[in-house]
């Protein structure tokens, strides 16, 4: 809703379309996924498998330092 309001403020002719996600994913955001991964939490099943592998590698390297 905030983005739609800002879009309207920036350009009155611009229309915003909302695509709803499945309810079981409605609580997710990239920030939440990154925070969970940073503390070593499991995000399997919340992101595609290839993203999960990348996140595991990235945050293992960060947590080593």
PDB file of N, CA and C in Angstrom:
ATOM      1  N   UNK A   1       0.806  -1.178   0.000  1.00  0.00           N
ATOM      2  CA  UNK A   1       0.000   0.000   0.000  1.00  0.00           C
ATOM      3  C   UNK A   1       0.860   1.257   0.000  1.00  0.00           C
ATOM      4  N   UNK A   2       1.979   1.219   0.760  1.00  0.00           N
ATOM      5  CA  UNK A   2       2.876   2.376   0.790  1.00  0.00           C
ATOM      6  C   UNK A   2       3.446   2.660  -0.598  1.00  0.00           C
ATOM      7  N   UNK A   3       3.834   1.587  -1.290  1.00  0.00           N
ATOM      8  CA  UNK A   3       4.408   1.755  -2.622  1.00  0.00           C
ATOM      9  C   UNK A   3       3.373   2.338  -3.578  1.00  0.00           C
ATOM     10  N   UNK A   4       2.138   1.895  -3.495  1.00  0.00           N
ATOM     11  CA  UNK A   4       1.082   2.428  -4.361  1.00  0.00           C
ATOM     12  C   UNK A   4       0.879   3.915  -4.098  1.00  0.00           C
ATOM     13  N   UNK A   5       0.896   4.303  -2.828  1.00  0.00           N
ATOM     14  CA  UNK A   5       0.720   5.717  -2.493  1.00  0.00           C
ATOM     15  C   UNK A   5       1.881   6.555  -3.016  1.00  0.00           C
ATOM     16  N   UNK A   6       3.099   6.044  -2.891  1.00  0.00           N
ATOM     17  CA  UNK A   6       4.257   6.778  -3.391  1.00  0.00           C
ATOM     18  C   UNK A   6       4.229   6.856  -4.912  1.00  0.00           C
ATOM     19  N   UNK A   7       3.859   5.760  -5.564  1.00  0.00           N
ATOM     20  CA  UNK A   7       3.748   5.781  -7.028  1.00  0.00           C
ATOM     21  C   UNK A   7       2.751   6.842  -7.478  1.00  0.00           C
ATOM     22  N   UNK A   8       1.615   6.919  -6.813  1.00  0.00           N
ATOM     23  CA  UNK A   8       0.583   7.907  -7.152  1.00  0.00           C
ATOM     24  C   UNK A   8       1.091   9.326  -6.908  1.00  0.00           C
ATOM     25  N   UNK A   9       1.860   9.508  -5.858  1.00  0.00           N
ATOM     26  CA  UNK A   9       2.450  10.817  -5.565  1.00  0.00           C
ATOM     27  C   UNK A   9       3.434  11.226  -6.665  1.00  0.00           C
ATOM     28  N   UNK A  10       4.225  10.273  -7.128  1.00  0.00           N
ATOM     29  CA  UNK A  10       5.245  10.563  -8.137  1.00  0.00           C
ATOM     30  C   UNK A  10       4.661  10.732  -9.534  1.00  0.00           C
ATOM     31  N   UNK A  11       3.591   9.989  -9.815  1.00  0.00           N
ATOM     32  CA  UNK A  11       3.006  10.036 -11.156  1.00  0.00           C
ATOM     33  C   UNK A  11       1.539   9.651 -11.059  1.00  0.00           C
ATOM     34  N   UNK A  12       0.654  10.617 -11.183  1.00  0.00           N
ATOM     35  CA  UNK A  12      -0.791  10.361 -11.048  1.00  0.00           C
ATOM     36  C   UNK A  12      -1.333   9.394 -12.101  1.00  0.00           C
ATOM     37  N   UNK A  13      -0.638   9.260 -13.231  1.00  0.00           N
ATOM     38  CA  UNK A  13      -1.097   8.367 -14.296  1.00  0.00           C
ATOM     39  C   UNK A  13      -0.637   6.921 -14.105  1.00  0.00           C
ATOM     40  N   UNK A  14       0.214   6.701 -13.139  1.00  0.00           N
ATOM     41  CA  UNK A  14       0.755   5.366 -12.906  1.00  0.00           C
ATOM     42  C   UNK A  14      -0.226   4.534 -12.087  1.00  0.00           C
ATOM     43  N   UNK A  15      -0.462   3.304 -12.522  1.00  0.00           N
ATOM     44  CA  UNK A  15      -1.313   2.387 -11.764  1.00  0.00           C
ATOM     45  C   UNK A  15      -0.445   1.292 -11.174  1.00  0.00           C
ATOM     46  N   UNK A  16      -0.761   0.878  -9.964  1.00  0.00           N
ATOM     47  CA  UNK A  16      -0.024  -0.174  -9.279  1.00  0.00           C
ATOM     48  C   UNK A  16      -0.896  -1.417  -9.219  1.00  0.00           C
ATOM     49  N   UNK A  17      -0.307  -2.569  -9.525  1.00  0.00           N
ATOM     50  CA  UNK A  17      -1.012  -3.846  -9.483  1.00  0.00           C
ATOM     51  C   UNK A  17      -0.425  -4.675  -8.347  1.00  0.00           C
ATOM     52  N   UNK A  18      -1.287  -5.235  -7.524  1.00  0.00           N
ATOM     53  CA  UNK A  18      -0.856  -6.087  -6.427  1.00  0.00           C
ATOM     54  C   UNK A  18      -1.087  -7.548  -6.806  1.00  0.00           C
ATOM     55  N   UNK A  19      -0.076  -8.362  -6.640  1.00  0.00           N
ATOM     56  CA  UNK A  19      -0.194  -9.802  -6.834  1.00  0.00           C
ATOM     57  C   UNK A  19      -0.055 -10.448  -5.466  1.00  0.00           C
ATOM     58  N   UNK A  20      -1.086 -11.103  -5.038  1.00  0.00           N
ATOM     59  CA  UNK A  20      -1.079 -11.710  -3.712  1.00  0.00           C
ATOM     60  C   UNK A  20      -0.358 -13.052  -3.742  1.00  0.00           C
ATOM     61  N   UNK A  21       0.365 -13.319  -2.691  1.00  0.00           N
ATOM     62  CA  UNK A  21       1.054 -14.586  -2.547  1.00  0.00           C
ATOM     63  C   UNK A  21       0.161 -15.575  -1.817  1.00  0.00           C
ATOM     64  N   UNK A  22       0.569 -16.809  -1.821  1.00  0.00           N
ATOM     65  CA  UNK A  22      -0.123 -17.820  -1.042  1.00  0.00           C
ATOM     66  C   UNK A  22       0.013 -17.455   0.438  1.00  0.00           C
ATOM     67  N   UNK A  23      -1.004 -17.689   1.216  1.00  0.00           N
ATOM     68  CA  UNK A  23      -1.005 -17.307   2.621  1.00  0.00           C
ATOM     69  C   UNK A  23       0.193 -17.799   3.409  1.00  0.00           C
ATOM     70  N   UNK A  24       0.677 -18.994   3.087  1.00  0.00           N
ATOM     71  CA  UNK A  24       1.790 -19.550   3.862  1.00  0.00           C
ATOM     72  C   UNK A  24       3.100 -18.791   3.638  1.00  0.00           C
ATOM     73  N   UNK A  25       3.158 -17.942   2.593  1.00  0.00           N
ATOM     74  CA  UNK A  25       4.362 -17.158   2.337  1.00  0.00           C
ATOM     75  C   UNK A  25       4.163 -15.669   2.624  1.00  0.00           C
ATOM     76  N   UNK A  26       3.025 -15.286   3.107  1.00  0.00           N
ATOM     77  CA  UNK A  26       2.710 -13.859   3.241  1.00  0.00           C
ATOM     78  C   UNK A  26       3.570 -13.133   4.278  1.00  0.00           C
ATOM     79  N   UNK A  27       4.185 -13.864   5.186  1.00  0.00           N
ATOM     80  CA  UNK A  27       4.997 -13.232   6.230  1.00  0.00           C
ATOM     81  C   UNK A  27       6.436 -13.009   5.798  1.00  0.00           C
ATOM     82  N   UNK A  28       6.812 -13.501   4.614  1.00  0.00           N
ATOM     83  CA  UNK A  28       8.211 -13.451   4.183  1.00  0.00           C
ATOM     84  C   UNK A  28       8.594 -12.130   3.538  1.00  0.00           C
ATOM     85  N   UNK A  29       9.838 -11.773   3.750  1.00  0.00           N
ATOM     86  CA  UNK A  29      10.452 -10.670   3.026  1.00  0.00           C
ATOM     87  C   UNK A  29      11.930 -11.009   2.898  1.00  0.00           C
ATOM     88  N   UNK A  30      12.608 -10.382   1.972  1.00  0.00           N
ATOM     89  CA  UNK A  30      14.030 -10.659   1.810  1.00  0.00           C
ATOM     90  C   UNK A  30      14.798 -10.290   3.071  1.00  0.00           C
ATOM     91  N   UNK A  31      14.364  -9.254   3.758  1.00  0.00           N
ATOM     92  CA  UNK A  31      15.036  -8.845   5.002  1.00  0.00           C
ATOM     93  C   UNK A  31      14.931  -9.930   6.072  1.00  0.00           C
ATOM     94  N   UNK A  32      13.759 -10.521   6.193  1.00  0.00           N
ATOM     95  CA  UNK A  32      13.569 -11.583   7.190  1.00  0.00           C
ATOM     96  C   UNK A  32      14.430 -12.789   6.842  1.00  0.00           C
ATOM     97  N   UNK A  33      14.445 -13.171   5.566  1.00  0.00           N
ATOM     98  CA  UNK A  33      15.261 -14.309   5.133  1.00  0.00           C
ATOM     99  C   UNK A  33      16.730 -14.053   5.455  1.00  0.00           C
ATOM    100  N   UNK A  34      17.227 -12.855   5.146  1.00  0.00           N
ATOM    101  CA  UNK A  34      18.632 -12.526   5.410  1.00  0.00           C
ATOM    102  C   UNK A  34      18.936 -12.537   6.908  1.00  0.00           C
ATOM    103  N   UNK A  35      18.030 -12.021   7.715  1.00  0.00           N
ATOM    104  CA  UNK A  35      18.255 -11.998   9.159  1.00  0.00           C
ATOM    105  C   UNK A  35      18.304 -13.405   9.735  1.00  0.00           C
ATOM    106  N   UNK A  36      17.400 -14.266   9.292  1.00  0.00           N
ATOM    107  CA  UNK A  36      17.383 -15.650   9.766  1.00  0.00           C
ATOM    108  C   UNK A  36      18.674 -16.349   9.358  1.00  0.00           C
ATOM    109  N   UNK A  37      19.088 -16.174   8.106  1.00  0.00           N
ATOM    110  CA  UNK A  37      20.314 -16.805   7.616  1.00  0.00           C
ATOM    111  C   UNK A  37      21.542 -16.293   8.361  1.00  0.00           C
ATOM    112  N   UNK A  38      21.558 -15.024   8.679  1.00  0.00           N
ATOM    113  CA  UNK A  38      22.698 -14.418   9.366  1.00  0.00           C
ATOM    114  C   UNK A  38      22.936 -15.051  10.731  1.00  0.00           C
ATOM    115  N   UNK A  39      21.873 -15.414  11.425  1.00  0.00           N
ATOM    116  CA  UNK A  39      22.035 -16.033  12.744  1.00  0.00           C
ATOM    117  C   UNK A  39      22.093 -17.555  12.664  1.00  0.00           C
ATOM    118  N   UNK A  40      22.179 -18.078  11.434  1.00  0.00           N
ATOM    119  CA  UNK A  40      22.334 -19.517  11.259  1.00  0.00           C
ATOM    120  C   UNK A  40      21.041 -20.289  11.197  1.00  0.00           C
ATOM    121  N   UNK A  41      19.916 -19.609  11.048  1.00  0.00           N
ATOM    122  CA  UNK A  41      18.625 -20.288  10.963  1.00  0.00           C
ATOM    123  C   UNK A  41      18.409 -20.947   9.612  1.00  0.00           C
ATOM    124  N   UNK A  42      17.488 -21.850   9.555  1.00  0.00           N
ATOM    125  CA  UNK A  42      17.176 -22.603   8.340  1.00  0.00           C
ATOM    126  C   UNK A  42      16.088 -21.891   7.538  1.00  0.00           C
ATOM    127  N   UNK A  43      16.371 -21.628   6.256  1.00  0.00           N
ATOM    128  CA  UNK A  43      15.373 -21.016   5.375  1.00  0.00           C
ATOM    129  C   UNK A  43      14.924 -21.998   4.286  1.00  0.00           C
ATOM    130  N   UNK A  44      15.305 -23.266   4.450  1.00  0.00           N
ATOM    131  CA  UNK A  44      14.901 -24.294   3.493  1.00  0.00           C
ATOM    132  C   UNK A  44      13.384 -24.369   3.435  1.00  0.00           C
ATOM    133  N   UNK A  45      12.841 -24.435   2.233  1.00  0.00           N
ATOM    134  CA  UNK A  45      11.396 -24.473   2.045  1.00  0.00           C
ATOM    135  C   UNK A  45      10.773 -23.089   1.947  1.00  0.00           C
ATOM    136  N   UNK A  46      11.554 -22.072   2.282  1.00  0.00           N
ATOM    137  CA  UNK A  46      11.053 -20.703   2.196  1.00  0.00           C
ATOM    138  C   UNK A  46      11.578 -19.988   0.956  1.00  0.00           C
ATOM    139  N   UNK A  47      12.648 -20.513   0.393  1.00  0.00           N
ATOM    140  CA  UNK A  47      13.259 -19.959  -0.822  1.00  0.00           C
ATOM    141  C   UNK A  47      13.561 -21.128  -1.761  1.00  0.00           C
ATOM    142  N   UNK A  48      13.744 -20.874  -3.058  1.00  0.00           N
ATOM    143  CA  UNK A  48      14.115 -21.954  -3.971  1.00  0.00           C
ATOM    144  C   UNK A  48      15.431 -22.616  -3.533  1.00  0.00           C
ATOM    145  N   UNK A  49      15.606 -23.880  -3.881  1.00  0.00           N
ATOM    146  CA  UNK A  49      16.777 -24.657  -3.452  1.00  0.00           C
ATOM    147  C   UNK A  49      18.091 -23.974  -3.826  1.00  0.00           C
ATOM    148  N   UNK A  50      18.179 -23.427  -5.022  1.00  0.00           N
ATOM    149  CA  UNK A  50      19.426 -22.790  -5.449  1.00  0.00           C
ATOM    150  C   UNK A  50      19.724 -21.545  -4.611  1.00  0.00           C
ATOM    151  N   UNK A  51      18.697 -20.822  -4.229  1.00  0.00           N
ATOM    152  CA  UNK A  51      18.861 -19.643  -3.366  1.00  0.00           C
ATOM    153  C   UNK A  51      19.287 -20.093  -1.972  1.00  0.00           C
ATOM    154  N   UNK A  52      18.693 -21.152  -1.479  1.00  0.00           N
ATOM    155  CA  UNK A  52      19.050 -21.684  -0.167  1.00  0.00           C
ATOM    156  C   UNK A  52      20.528 -22.049  -0.114  1.00  0.00           C
ATOM    157  N   UNK A  53      21.029 -22.713  -1.144  1.00  0.00           N
ATOM    158  CA  UNK A  53      22.443 -23.094  -1.186  1.00  0.00           C
ATOM    159  C   UNK A  53      23.341 -21.866  -1.199  1.00  0.00           C
ATOM    160  N   UNK A  54      22.989 -20.878  -1.998  1.00  0.00           N
ATOM    161  CA  UNK A  54      23.772 -19.649  -2.064  1.00  0.00           C
ATOM    162  C   UNK A  54      23.797 -18.950  -0.703  1.00  0.00           C
ATOM    163  N   UNK A  55      22.638 -18.856  -0.076  1.00  0.00           N
ATOM    164  CA  UNK A  55      22.536 -18.195   1.230  1.00  0.00           C
ATOM    165  C   UNK A  55      23.387 -18.927   2.260  1.00  0.00           C
ATOM    166  N   UNK A  56      23.320 -20.258   2.269  1.00  0.00           N
ATOM    167  CA  UNK A  56      24.122 -21.028   3.226  1.00  0.00           C
ATOM    168  C   UNK A  56      25.606 -20.732   3.053  1.00  0.00           C
ATOM    169  N   UNK A  57      26.076 -20.750   1.799  1.00  0.00           N
ATOM    170  CA  UNK A  57      27.491 -20.475   1.532  1.00  0.00           C
ATOM    171  C   UNK A  57      27.858 -19.051   1.936  1.00  0.00           C
ATOM    172  N   UNK A  58      27.048 -18.103   1.554  1.00  0.00           N
ATOM    173  CA  UNK A  58      27.338 -16.701   1.842  1.00  0.00           C
ATOM    174  C   UNK A  58      27.432 -16.442   3.341  1.00  0.00           C
ATOM    175  N   UNK A  59      26.461 -16.916   4.092  1.00  0.00           N
ATOM    176  CA  UNK A  59      26.437 -16.606   5.515  1.00  0.00           C
ATOM    177  C   UNK A  59      27.384 -17.488   6.318  1.00  0.00           C
ATOM    178  N   UNK A  60      27.798 -18.634   5.799  1.00  0.00           N
ATOM    179  CA  UNK A  60      28.859 -19.415   6.454  1.00  0.00           C
ATOM    180  C   UNK A  60      30.166 -18.636   6.376  1.00  0.00           C
ATOM    181  N   UNK A  61      30.424 -18.026   5.210  1.00  0.00           N
ATOM    182  CA  UNK A  61      31.642 -17.232   5.047  1.00  0.00           C
ATOM    183  C   UNK A  61      31.618 -16.013   5.968  1.00  0.00           C
ATOM    184  N   UNK A  62      30.486 -15.361   6.075  1.00  0.00           N
ATOM    185  CA  UNK A  62      30.366 -14.180   6.937  1.00  0.00           C
ATOM    186  C   UNK A  62      30.565 -14.568   8.396  1.00  0.00           C
ATOM    187  N   UNK A  63      29.985 -15.693   8.807  1.00  0.00           N
ATOM    188  CA  UNK A  63      30.075 -16.101  10.208  1.00  0.00           C
ATOM    189  C   UNK A  63      31.458 -16.619  10.590  1.00  0.00           C
ATOM    190  N   UNK A  64      32.301 -16.955   9.594  1.00  0.00           N
ATOM    191  CA  UNK A  64      33.672 -17.395   9.878  1.00  0.00           C
ATOM    192  C   UNK A  64      34.551 -16.248  10.336  1.00  0.00           C
ATOM    193  N   UNK A  65      34.235 -15.038   9.859  1.00  0.00           N
ATOM    194  CA  UNK A  65      35.096 -13.889  10.189  1.00  0.00           C
ATOM    195  C   UNK A  65      34.793 -13.297  11.527  1.00  0.00           C
TER     196      UNK A  65
END
